[in-house]
Amino acid sequence: MAANKFTDKHKFIDGFILEGHLRNFIYKDISKMTGMSFDDYLTRPRYEIELINSVVESVAKEKAKNNQKLLDGLKSEVVKSKMDPTS
């Protein structure tokens, strides 16, 4: 029985997939949001990785939206206090 040998193409594809997972893990700050190490993340089945990515992205968007609302409210208060001569 012949041993299966990975070609350069297979190494490239595996490296490309791993790089994509690593970029997602770092960019989306998955470790901070889930408490998982990169190794834990990689050992999950593909559907779980996709679900984790989706949920983390959704939570990050919601946080950004809430932060923007808060900043807008603070800016509005600053503008009002500058316009009010009694303050």
C-alpha atoms as a PDB file:
ATOM      1  CA  MET A   1       0.000   0.000   0.000  1.00  0.00           C
ATOM      2  CA  ALA A   2       1.480   3.331  -1.044  1.00  0.00           C
ATOM      3  CA  ALA A   3       1.802   6.072   1.514  1.00  0.00           C
ATOM      4  CA  ASN A   4      -0.176   9.195   0.789  1.00  0.00           C
ATOM      5  CA  LYS A   5       2.152  12.100   0.312  1.00  0.00           C
ATOM      6  CA  PHE A   6       0.882  15.641   0.443  1.00  0.00           C
ATOM      7  CA  THR A   7       1.801  17.662  -2.593  1.00  0.00           C
ATOM      8  CA  ASP A   8       2.777  21.312  -2.500  1.00  0.00           C
ATOM      9  CA  LYS A   9      -0.788  22.057  -3.591  1.00  0.00           C
ATOM     10  CA  HIS A  10      -2.186  20.284  -0.518  1.00  0.00           C
ATOM     11  CA  LYS A  11       0.270  22.077   1.753  1.00  0.00           C
ATOM     12  CA  PHE A  12      -0.768  25.397   0.211  1.00  0.00           C
ATOM     13  CA  ILE A  13      -4.478  24.681   0.642  1.00  0.00           C
ATOM     14  CA  ASP A  14      -4.043  23.499   4.245  1.00  0.00           C
ATOM     15  CA  GLY A  15      -1.887  26.531   5.027  1.00  0.00           C
ATOM     16  CA  PHE A  16      -4.375  28.857   3.360  1.00  0.00           C
ATOM     17  CA  ILE A  17      -7.268  27.452   5.415  1.00  0.00           C
ATOM     18  CA  LEU A  18      -5.243  27.613   8.628  1.00  0.00           C
ATOM     19  CA  GLU A  19      -4.209  31.198   7.869  1.00  0.00           C
ATOM     20  CA  GLY A  20      -7.854  32.148   7.309  1.00  0.00           C
ATOM     21  CA  HIS A  21      -8.871  30.641  10.640  1.00  0.00           C
ATOM     22  CA  LEU A  22      -5.995  32.388  12.399  1.00  0.00           C
ATOM     23  CA  ARG A  23      -6.888  35.742  10.826  1.00  0.00           C
ATOM     24  CA  ASN A  24     -10.524  35.336  11.929  1.00  0.00           C
ATOM     25  CA  PHE A  25      -9.447  34.270  15.413  1.00  0.00           C
ATOM     26  CA  ILE A  26      -7.231  37.333  15.845  1.00  0.00           C
ATOM     27  CA  TYR A  27      -9.311  39.918  13.956  1.00  0.00           C
ATOM     28  CA  LYS A  28     -12.590  39.008  15.632  1.00  0.00           C
ATOM     29  CA  ASP A  29     -10.876  38.651  19.031  1.00  0.00           C
ATOM     30  CA  ILE A  30     -12.457  35.231  19.461  1.00  0.00           C
ATOM     31  CA  SER A  31     -10.158  34.316  22.344  1.00  0.00           C
ATOM     32  CA  LYS A  32     -11.353  37.282  24.392  1.00  0.00           C
ATOM     33  CA  MET A  33     -15.009  36.760  23.570  1.00  0.00           C
ATOM     34  CA  THR A  34     -15.090  32.985  24.082  1.00  0.00           C
ATOM     35  CA  GLY A  35     -12.150  32.187  26.346  1.00  0.00           C
ATOM     36  CA  MET A  36     -10.937  29.640  23.796  1.00  0.00           C
ATOM     37  CA  SER A  37      -7.357  29.116  22.747  1.00  0.00           C
ATOM     38  CA  PHE A  38      -6.582  28.879  19.042  1.00  0.00           C
ATOM     39  CA  ASP A  39      -6.046  25.118  19.439  1.00  0.00           C
ATOM     40  CA  ASP A  40      -9.482  24.740  21.078  1.00  0.00           C
ATOM     41  CA  TYR A  41     -11.020  26.762  18.253  1.00  0.00           C
ATOM     42  CA  LEU A  42      -9.387  24.592  15.578  1.00  0.00           C
ATOM     43  CA  THR A  43     -10.522  21.323  17.145  1.00  0.00           C
ATOM     44  CA  ARG A  44     -14.169  22.307  16.800  1.00  0.00           C
ATOM     45  CA  PRO A  45     -16.142  20.850  13.912  1.00  0.00           C
ATOM     46  CA  ARG A  46     -16.447  23.134  10.904  1.00  0.00           C
ATOM     47  CA  TYR A  47     -20.107  23.978  11.585  1.00  0.00           C
ATOM     48  CA  GLU A  48     -19.192  25.116  15.119  1.00  0.00           C
ATOM     49  CA  ILE A  49     -16.348  27.297  13.831  1.00  0.00           C
ATOM     50  CA  GLU A  50     -18.748  28.922  11.368  1.00  0.00           C
ATOM     51  CA  LEU A  51     -21.335  29.430  14.120  1.00  0.00           C
ATOM     52  CA  ILE A  52     -18.739  30.918  16.472  1.00  0.00           C
ATOM     53  CA  ASN A  53     -17.542  33.290  13.732  1.00  0.00           C
ATOM     54  CA  SER A  54     -21.103  34.347  12.969  1.00  0.00           C
ATOM     55  CA  VAL A  55     -22.110  34.936  16.588  1.00  0.00           C
ATOM     56  CA  VAL A  56     -18.899  36.776  17.458  1.00  0.00           C
ATOM     57  CA  GLU A  57     -19.312  39.033  14.429  1.00  0.00           C
ATOM     58  CA  SER A  58     -22.946  39.719  15.324  1.00  0.00           C
ATOM     59  CA  VAL A  59     -22.087  40.551  18.938  1.00  0.00           C
ATOM     60  CA  ALA A  60     -19.240  42.837  17.832  1.00  0.00           C
ATOM     61  CA  LYS A  61     -21.578  44.729  15.476  1.00  0.00           C
ATOM     62  CA  GLU A  62     -24.169  45.130  18.230  1.00  0.00           C
ATOM     63  CA  LYS A  63     -21.515  46.412  20.647  1.00  0.00           C
ATOM     64  CA  ALA A  64     -20.245  48.889  18.051  1.00  0.00           C
ATOM     65  CA  LYS A  65     -23.792  50.099  17.423  1.00  0.00           C
ATOM     66  CA  ASN A  66     -24.420  50.580  21.162  1.00  0.00           C
ATOM     67  CA  ASN A  67     -21.077  52.344  21.603  1.00  0.00           C
ATOM     68  CA  GLN A  68     -21.901  54.707  18.743  1.00  0.00           C
ATOM     69  CA  LYS A  69     -25.260  55.542  20.344  1.00  0.00           C
ATOM     70  CA  LEU A  70     -23.493  56.295  23.603  1.00  0.00           C
ATOM     71  CA  LEU A  71     -20.902  58.489  21.880  1.00  0.00           C
ATOM     72  CA  ASP A  72     -23.604  60.356  19.977  1.00  0.00           C
ATOM     73  CA  GLY A  73     -25.455  60.985  23.240  1.00  0.00           C
ATOM     74  CA  LEU A  74     -22.296  62.263  24.921  1.00  0.00           C
ATOM     75  CA  LYS A  75     -21.510  64.554  21.984  1.00  0.00           C
ATOM     76  CA  SER A  76     -25.023  65.928  22.140  1.00  0.00           C
ATOM     77  CA  GLU A  77     -24.649  66.663  25.857  1.00  0.00           C
ATOM     78  CA  VAL A  78     -21.323  68.428  25.269  1.00  0.00           C
ATOM     79  CA  VAL A  79     -22.838  70.590  22.530  1.00  0.00           C
ATOM     80  CA  LYS A  80     -25.813  71.463  24.767  1.00  0.00           C
ATOM     81  CA  SER A  81     -23.555  72.385  27.694  1.00  0.00           C
ATOM     82  CA  LYS A  82     -21.441  74.653  25.468  1.00  0.00           C
ATOM     83  CA  MET A  83     -24.540  76.418  24.167  1.00  0.00           C
ATOM     84  CA  ASP A  84     -26.058  76.905  27.622  1.00  0.00           C
ATOM     85  CA  PRO A  85     -24.646  80.134  29.126  1.00  0.00           C
ATOM     86  CA  THR A  86     -25.654  79.130  32.665  1.00  0.00           C
ATOM     87  CA  SER A  87     -23.301  76.148  32.788  1.00  0.00           C
END
